[in-house]
């Protein structure tokens, strides 16, 4: 028993070809979600996903194709391969989860936002203007360490509510009642001081959350070959997650690998770059050791940080955080509400960005994954 069947594929095709939008599109999306809920509730499906929590894991590299890109799977047509990859490695790449047109539109919107934030001084297509990138009162630029500090905009909403992005996470969780994260866009300019690599780390503290809790994801808006800066992961490293307990300096979720600890050598040796093609989404179990690489190319890396978790629609506090974030347009760090900003915000002039934001136009699926409508 698998989640995706002929009827699901037929509905997805109708959704993607629906030109009218509005009620017709919403009706199709509601039918799809309802069908997926029923299929996910099948006892064989439930058992398959329950087994992941106790499944043994081993450090091993993921296969790549002849061009060096990590092999991925289409969530709509390769469910078995997709799920088996996820359960074996704790990492999976979904192929073509957003269209080239949507990816290109998001990149163009990032350029608009940078121009707007800098009063027209900083143009992402003109390196000689990058020194005019806006910074907050502490001198922190809007694009820092590979992150572009924009959390709420219609461009991001269209990515999040893409039906294939949703299916990607339905297959990871074995659940249809999901919430999207409120995370940000990503930007690494070639040769820029803020485009260096991030160190190996985890974003889950074993002293606070020792078991499987959530997943993370990076969507490539353009091709991300290794030299352009890409996700780095250690497949199967959820097995060695407990060792981070000794490296955690506080109760925060971010725990950086201590390279002086001898236990880390096998992990460092198996760190693997994940070149991604445009429209591909790499997702990983948050217990997975990961990083990203520096942009040493002559082109910009464009990504979006998108993930889903199981809906917490009966948690009033989590709902209140999400409503507040949506209304204000700000980034916040409330992990229980799937809001993944920095605990200490990197770029603090968020009112500037809120003024540039285009309010999200949500479909029925968007309202569900944003938490504005209940799955019942």
Protein backbone atom coordinates (compact mmCIF):
# COMPACT_ATOMS: atom_id res chain seq x y z
CA UNK A 1 0.00 0.00 0.00
CA UNK A 2 1.52 3.31 -1.14
CA UNK A 3 0.22 6.84 -0.66
CA UNK A 4 0.36 8.01 -4.28
CA UNK A 5 -2.08 6.27 -6.62
CA UNK A 6 -3.66 6.98 -9.99
CA UNK A 7 -6.35 9.19 -8.50
CA UNK A 8 -3.75 11.33 -6.69
CA UNK A 9 -1.78 11.76 -9.91
CA UNK A 10 -4.94 12.67 -11.82
CA UNK A 11 -5.85 15.33 -9.23
CA UNK A 12 -2.33 16.79 -9.27
CA UNK A 13 -2.48 17.05 -13.07
CA UNK A 14 -5.81 18.88 -12.87
CA UNK A 15 -4.45 21.22 -10.17
CA UNK A 16 -1.38 22.08 -12.20
CA UNK A 17 -3.45 22.67 -15.33
CA UNK A 18 -6.15 24.69 -13.58
CA UNK A 19 -6.05 28.13 -15.19
CA UNK A 20 -9.08 29.62 -13.44
CA UNK A 21 -7.80 29.51 -9.87
CA UNK A 22 -10.24 30.59 -7.20
CA UNK A 23 -12.95 28.16 -6.13
CA UNK A 24 -12.23 25.58 -8.82
CA UNK A 25 -8.59 25.29 -7.74
CA UNK A 26 -9.48 25.28 -4.05
CA UNK A 27 -12.02 22.50 -4.55
CA UNK A 28 -9.41 20.36 -6.28
CA UNK A 29 -6.85 21.02 -3.54
CA UNK A 30 -9.32 20.12 -0.79
CA UNK A 31 -10.15 16.88 -2.61
CA UNK A 32 -6.45 16.07 -2.88
CA UNK A 33 -5.76 16.70 0.80
CA UNK A 34 -8.80 14.66 1.83
CA UNK A 35 -7.72 11.75 -0.37
CA UNK A 36 -4.16 11.87 0.97
CA UNK A 37 -5.43 11.89 4.56
CA UNK A 38 -7.37 8.70 3.91
CA UNK A 39 -4.45 6.97 2.22
CA UNK A 40 -2.00 7.99 4.93
CA UNK A 41 -4.30 6.50 7.56
CA UNK A 42 -3.99 2.99 6.10
CA UNK A 43 -2.42 0.68 8.68
CA UNK A 44 0.39 -0.43 6.34
CA UNK A 45 1.35 3.18 5.69
CA UNK A 46 1.23 4.02 9.39
CA UNK A 47 3.44 1.03 10.21
CA UNK A 48 5.98 1.96 7.53
CA UNK A 49 6.47 5.43 9.00
CA UNK A 50 6.45 4.27 12.62
CA UNK A 51 9.33 1.94 11.79
CA UNK A 52 11.51 4.94 10.85
CA UNK A 53 11.82 5.97 14.50
CA UNK A 54 13.58 2.72 15.42
CA UNK A 55 15.30 2.02 12.11
CA UNK A 56 19.05 1.41 12.33
CA UNK A 57 21.19 3.90 10.45
CA UNK A 58 24.78 3.77 9.18
CA UNK A 59 27.15 6.36 7.78
CA UNK A 60 27.28 5.84 4.02
CA UNK A 61 27.52 8.12 0.97
CA UNK A 62 24.51 8.76 -1.22
CA UNK A 63 24.77 7.83 -4.92
CA UNK A 64 25.43 10.50 -7.54
CA UNK A 65 24.84 10.57 -11.29
CA UNK A 66 27.43 10.88 -14.03
CA UNK A 67 27.49 14.68 -13.68
CA UNK A 68 28.07 14.56 -9.93
CA UNK A 69 24.54 15.55 -8.87
CA UNK A 70 23.04 13.55 -6.00
CA UNK A 71 20.38 11.21 -7.36
CA UNK A 72 16.86 12.35 -6.56
CA UNK A 73 13.33 11.10 -7.09
CA UNK A 74 10.06 12.48 -8.38
CA UNK A 75 7.59 12.39 -5.44
CA UNK A 76 4.66 11.86 -7.80
CA UNK A 77 6.04 8.93 -9.80
CA UNK A 78 8.82 7.41 -7.67
CA UNK A 79 7.28 7.09 -4.21
CA UNK A 80 8.90 3.75 -3.38
CA UNK A 81 12.41 4.92 -4.28
CA UNK A 82 11.83 8.26 -2.53
CA UNK A 83 10.68 6.71 0.75
CA UNK A 84 13.37 4.02 0.74
CA UNK A 85 16.04 6.68 0.25
CA UNK A 86 14.64 8.77 3.11
CA UNK A 87 14.47 5.84 5.49
CA UNK A 88 17.96 4.58 4.60
CA UNK A 89 19.86 7.87 4.70
CA UNK A 90 17.70 10.38 6.61
CA UNK A 91 18.20 12.61 3.54
CA UNK A 92 16.30 12.68 0.25
CA UNK A 93 16.22 14.85 -2.87
CA UNK A 94 12.86 15.50 -4.54
CA UNK A 95 13.04 16.40 -8.22
CA UNK A 96 11.13 19.14 -10.04
CA UNK A 97 8.98 20.15 -7.08
CA UNK A 98 8.59 23.70 -8.45
CA UNK A 99 8.43 24.82 -12.07
CA UNK A 100 11.29 26.68 -13.78
CA UNK A 101 8.93 29.65 -14.21
CA UNK A 102 8.16 29.85 -10.48
CA UNK A 103 11.84 29.50 -9.57
CA UNK A 104 12.81 32.28 -12.00
CA UNK A 105 10.04 34.54 -10.68
CA UNK A 106 11.33 34.08 -7.13
CA UNK A 107 14.88 35.02 -8.16
CA UNK A 108 13.53 38.14 -9.88
CA UNK A 109 11.58 39.02 -6.73
CA UNK A 110 14.75 38.71 -4.63
CA UNK A 111 16.35 41.29 -6.92
CA UNK A 112 13.34 43.59 -6.46
CA UNK A 113 13.52 43.25 -2.69
CA UNK A 114 17.23 44.05 -2.59
CA UNK A 115 16.72 47.12 -4.77
CA UNK A 116 13.79 48.25 -2.62
CA UNK A 117 15.65 47.73 0.64
CA UNK A 118 18.67 49.71 -0.61
CA UNK A 119 16.74 52.59 -2.25
CA UNK A 120 17.85 51.31 -5.63
CA UNK A 121 21.56 51.26 -4.77
CA UNK A 122 22.25 47.51 -4.54
CA UNK A 123 21.59 45.52 -7.70
CA UNK A 124 22.17 41.76 -7.41
CA UNK A 125 23.14 41.70 -11.10
CA UNK A 126 25.87 44.36 -10.67
CA UNK A 127 28.78 43.34 -8.40
CA UNK A 128 30.08 46.90 -8.23
CA UNK A 129 26.93 47.85 -6.25
CA UNK A 130 27.13 45.11 -3.65
CA UNK A 131 28.98 47.35 -1.23
CA UNK A 132 25.69 49.29 -0.96
CA UNK A 133 23.85 46.27 0.46
CA UNK A 134 21.66 47.55 3.33
CA UNK A 135 22.72 46.80 6.89
CA UNK A 136 21.00 47.29 10.24
CA UNK A 137 22.15 49.56 13.08
CA UNK A 138 24.65 46.92 14.20
CA UNK A 139 26.21 46.71 10.75
CA UNK A 140 24.70 43.30 9.89
CA UNK A 141 23.84 43.08 6.16
CA UNK A 142 20.50 41.81 4.89
CA UNK A 143 22.28 38.92 3.16
CA UNK A 144 24.50 37.25 5.71
CA UNK A 145 26.09 33.80 5.94
CA UNK A 146 24.07 32.65 2.94
CA UNK A 147 20.68 33.77 4.28
CA UNK A 148 18.50 36.51 2.76
CA UNK A 149 16.46 37.74 5.70
CA UNK A 150 13.01 37.71 4.07
CA UNK A 151 10.45 35.45 5.74
CA UNK A 152 7.05 36.55 4.47
CA UNK A 153 6.29 37.51 0.90
CA UNK A 154 3.98 36.21 -1.81
CA UNK A 155 6.97 34.83 -3.73
CA UNK A 156 7.82 32.54 -0.81
CA UNK A 157 4.17 31.57 -0.33
CA UNK A 158 3.93 30.37 -3.93
CA UNK A 159 6.91 28.08 -3.33
CA UNK A 160 5.57 26.77 -0.04
CA UNK A 161 2.11 25.98 -1.40
CA UNK A 162 3.37 24.32 -4.56
CA UNK A 163 1.50 21.02 -4.70
CA UNK A 164 4.66 18.99 -5.39
CA UNK A 165 6.48 20.55 -2.43
CA UNK A 166 3.53 19.46 -0.31
CA UNK A 167 3.65 15.92 -1.74
CA UNK A 168 7.40 15.78 -1.06
CA UNK A 169 6.73 16.28 2.65
CA UNK A 170 3.67 14.05 2.73
CA UNK A 171 6.01 11.24 1.63
CA UNK A 172 8.57 12.12 4.30
CA UNK A 173 6.07 12.23 7.16
CA UNK A 174 3.44 9.77 5.95
CA UNK A 175 0.96 12.45 7.00
CA UNK A 176 -1.21 14.89 5.08
CA UNK A 177 -1.96 17.26 7.99
CA UNK A 178 1.19 19.37 7.74
CA UNK A 179 2.35 22.92 8.44
CA UNK A 180 5.01 24.73 6.45
CA UNK A 181 7.93 26.35 8.20
CA UNK A 182 8.23 30.13 8.23
CA UNK A 183 11.84 30.28 7.10
CA UNK A 184 13.73 32.53 4.71
CA UNK A 185 15.34 32.81 1.30
CA UNK A 186 19.01 32.14 0.62
CA UNK A 187 21.62 34.07 -1.31
CA UNK A 188 25.37 33.56 -1.83
CA UNK A 189 27.02 36.13 -4.03
CA UNK A 190 30.22 35.08 -5.83
CA UNK A 191 33.38 36.26 -4.09
CA UNK A 192 31.42 38.04 -1.36
CA UNK A 193 32.59 37.96 2.27
CA UNK A 194 29.17 36.69 3.37
CA UNK A 195 29.31 33.70 1.00
CA UNK A 196 31.70 31.55 2.98
CA UNK A 197 30.93 28.02 4.13
CA UNK A 198 28.94 27.15 7.24
CA UNK A 199 30.59 24.61 9.61
CA UNK A 200 29.27 21.13 10.30
CA UNK A 201 26.49 21.22 12.88
CA UNK A 202 23.02 20.02 13.83
CA UNK A 203 19.93 22.15 14.47
CA UNK A 204 18.52 19.94 17.20
CA UNK A 205 19.95 19.66 20.71
CA UNK A 206 20.10 16.03 21.95
CA UNK A 207 19.92 17.24 25.55
CA UNK A 208 16.54 18.82 24.80
CA UNK A 209 15.14 16.70 21.94
CA UNK A 210 16.98 13.37 21.76
CA UNK A 211 14.64 11.60 19.29
CA UNK A 212 13.34 12.22 15.79
CA UNK A 213 11.55 15.53 15.87
CA UNK A 214 11.53 17.42 12.60
CA UNK A 215 13.09 17.88 9.17
CA UNK A 216 14.76 20.71 7.27
CA UNK A 217 14.97 21.53 3.59
CA UNK A 218 16.69 23.61 0.91
CA UNK A 219 15.06 24.26 -2.47
CA UNK A 220 17.37 25.14 -5.39
CA UNK A 221 15.94 28.08 -7.36
CA UNK A 222 18.73 27.74 -9.90
CA UNK A 223 21.30 25.03 -10.53
CA UNK A 224 23.56 24.67 -7.50
CA UNK A 225 26.73 22.86 -8.61
CA UNK A 226 29.31 22.21 -5.93
CA UNK A 227 31.41 25.30 -6.71
CA UNK A 228 28.41 27.64 -6.39
CA UNK A 229 27.87 26.71 -2.75
CA UNK A 230 25.56 23.87 -1.89
CA UNK A 231 24.15 21.75 0.92
CA UNK A 232 26.66 19.47 2.64
CA UNK A 233 25.35 16.46 4.56
CA UNK A 234 26.52 13.27 6.22
CA UNK A 235 24.06 10.60 5.14
CA UNK A 236 23.02 8.29 7.96
CA UNK A 237 24.53 10.50 10.65
CA UNK A 238 21.36 10.51 12.71
CA UNK A 239 22.95 7.35 14.17
CA UNK A 240 25.71 9.42 15.84
CA UNK A 241 23.49 12.33 16.87
CA UNK A 242 23.77 11.55 20.64
CA UNK A 243 27.44 12.56 20.66
CA UNK A 244 26.40 16.18 20.18
CA UNK A 245 25.13 16.15 23.77
CA UNK A 246 28.71 16.76 24.95
CA UNK A 247 29.22 19.59 22.45
CA UNK A 248 26.09 21.60 23.30
CA UNK A 249 27.05 24.81 25.12
CA UNK A 250 23.50 25.72 26.09
CA UNK A 251 19.92 24.58 25.53
CA UNK A 252 19.75 26.17 22.08
CA UNK A 253 18.94 24.13 18.99
CA UNK A 254 22.16 24.94 17.10
CA UNK A 255 25.08 22.70 18.09
CA UNK A 256 28.35 23.02 16.17
CA UNK A 257 30.61 20.04 15.72
CA UNK A 258 33.72 20.07 17.93
CA UNK A 259 36.44 19.02 15.52
CA UNK A 260 38.87 18.42 18.39
CA UNK A 261 36.74 15.46 19.50
CA UNK A 262 38.20 12.28 18.01
CA UNK A 263 34.73 10.81 17.53
CA UNK A 264 34.05 13.34 14.80
CA UNK A 265 36.67 12.07 12.34
CA UNK A 266 34.46 9.42 10.65
CA UNK A 267 31.74 12.04 10.26
CA UNK A 268 34.04 14.68 8.79
CA UNK A 269 35.46 12.12 6.36
CA UNK A 270 31.96 11.31 5.08
CA UNK A 271 30.71 14.88 4.64
CA UNK A 272 29.26 14.99 1.13
CA UNK A 273 28.40 17.94 -1.08
CA UNK A 274 24.92 17.82 -2.61
CA UNK A 275 24.92 19.56 -5.99
CA UNK A 276 21.28 20.28 -6.87
CA UNK A 277 19.52 21.03 -10.12
CA UNK A 278 16.98 23.84 -10.36
CA UNK A 279 13.67 22.85 -8.80
CA UNK A 280 15.18 20.13 -6.59
CA UNK A 281 14.45 20.05 -2.87
CA UNK A 282 16.85 18.34 -0.46
CA UNK A 283 15.38 17.46 2.94
CA UNK A 284 17.05 15.95 5.98
CA UNK A 285 16.26 14.64 9.44
CA UNK A 286 17.28 17.42 11.86
CA UNK A 287 19.57 14.98 13.70
CA UNK A 288 21.71 14.86 10.56
CA UNK A 289 25.14 16.50 10.58
CA UNK A 290 25.16 19.13 7.85
CA UNK A 291 26.68 22.38 6.61
CA UNK A 292 26.98 24.25 3.33
CA UNK A 293 29.91 25.10 1.10
CA UNK A 294 31.34 28.42 -0.02
CA UNK A 295 30.47 30.00 -3.34
CA UNK A 296 33.76 29.97 -5.26
CA UNK A 297 32.13 30.36 -8.69
CA UNK A 298 31.29 33.46 -10.72
CA UNK A 299 27.50 33.01 -10.33
CA UNK A 300 25.05 33.62 -7.49
CA UNK A 301 23.53 30.80 -5.46
CA UNK A 302 19.75 31.25 -5.08
CA UNK A 303 17.78 28.98 -2.73
CA UNK A 304 14.77 28.94 -0.42
CA UNK A 305 14.63 27.21 2.96
CA UNK A 306 11.39 25.26 2.94
CA UNK A 307 10.23 22.44 5.15
CA UNK A 308 7.04 21.04 6.67
CA UNK A 309 6.23 19.45 9.99
CA UNK A 310 3.14 17.80 11.45
CA UNK A 311 0.40 20.36 12.08
CA UNK A 312 0.02 21.65 15.63
CA UNK A 313 -3.37 23.20 15.04
CA UNK A 314 -4.50 22.33 18.57
CA UNK A 315 -1.60 24.28 20.13
CA UNK A 316 -2.95 27.82 20.71
CA UNK A 317 0.49 29.24 21.49
CA UNK A 318 2.03 27.90 18.29
CA UNK A 319 -0.93 29.24 16.30
CA UNK A 320 -0.57 32.67 17.92
CA UNK A 321 3.13 32.84 17.02
CA UNK A 322 2.38 31.98 13.41
CA UNK A 323 -0.45 34.49 13.10
CA UNK A 324 1.79 37.18 14.57
CA UNK A 325 4.62 36.32 12.18
CA UNK A 326 2.29 36.33 9.19
CA UNK A 327 0.66 39.64 10.08
CA UNK A 328 3.92 41.42 10.88
CA UNK A 329 6.05 39.86 8.15
CA UNK A 330 8.84 39.29 10.67
CA UNK A 331 11.15 36.35 11.26
CA UNK A 332 11.08 34.79 14.72
CA UNK A 333 12.65 31.78 16.41
CA UNK A 334 9.79 29.66 17.73
CA UNK A 335 10.73 26.11 16.73
CA UNK A 336 7.53 24.61 18.14
CA UNK A 337 5.64 26.81 15.71
CA UNK A 338 8.01 25.91 12.85
CA UNK A 339 9.42 29.43 12.76
CA UNK A 340 13.11 29.10 11.99
CA UNK A 341 14.74 32.48 12.30
CA UNK A 342 17.95 32.96 14.22
CA UNK A 343 17.58 33.06 17.99
CA UNK A 344 19.59 36.29 17.82
CA UNK A 345 18.32 37.92 14.61
CA UNK A 346 21.08 38.57 12.11
CA UNK A 347 19.42 41.49 10.32
CA UNK A 348 17.27 43.44 12.76
CA UNK A 349 15.75 46.14 10.53
CA UNK A 350 12.71 43.99 9.88
CA UNK A 351 10.25 46.92 9.65
CA UNK A 352 12.08 47.88 6.45
CA UNK A 353 11.40 44.45 4.98
CA UNK A 354 7.83 44.39 6.21
CA UNK A 355 7.22 47.55 4.22
CA UNK A 356 8.47 45.91 1.02
CA UNK A 357 6.51 42.71 1.47
CA UNK A 358 3.82 41.62 -0.96
CA UNK A 359 1.11 39.99 1.14
CA UNK A 360 0.71 36.26 0.47
CA UNK A 361 -2.11 35.12 -1.82
CA UNK A 362 -2.98 31.74 -0.35
CA UNK A 363 -4.87 28.87 -1.93
CA UNK A 364 -6.87 26.36 0.11
CA UNK A 365 -3.66 24.35 0.49
CA UNK A 366 -1.78 27.49 1.52
CA UNK A 367 -4.32 28.27 4.23
CA UNK A 368 -3.97 24.74 5.59
CA UNK A 369 -0.17 24.66 5.63
CA UNK A 370 0.02 28.18 7.07
CA UNK A 371 -2.28 27.14 9.92
CA UNK A 372 -5.08 29.53 8.97
CA UNK A 373 -7.56 26.76 8.29
CA UNK A 374 -8.05 23.50 10.16
CA UNK A 375 -7.60 20.19 8.40
CA UNK A 376 -11.01 18.94 9.49
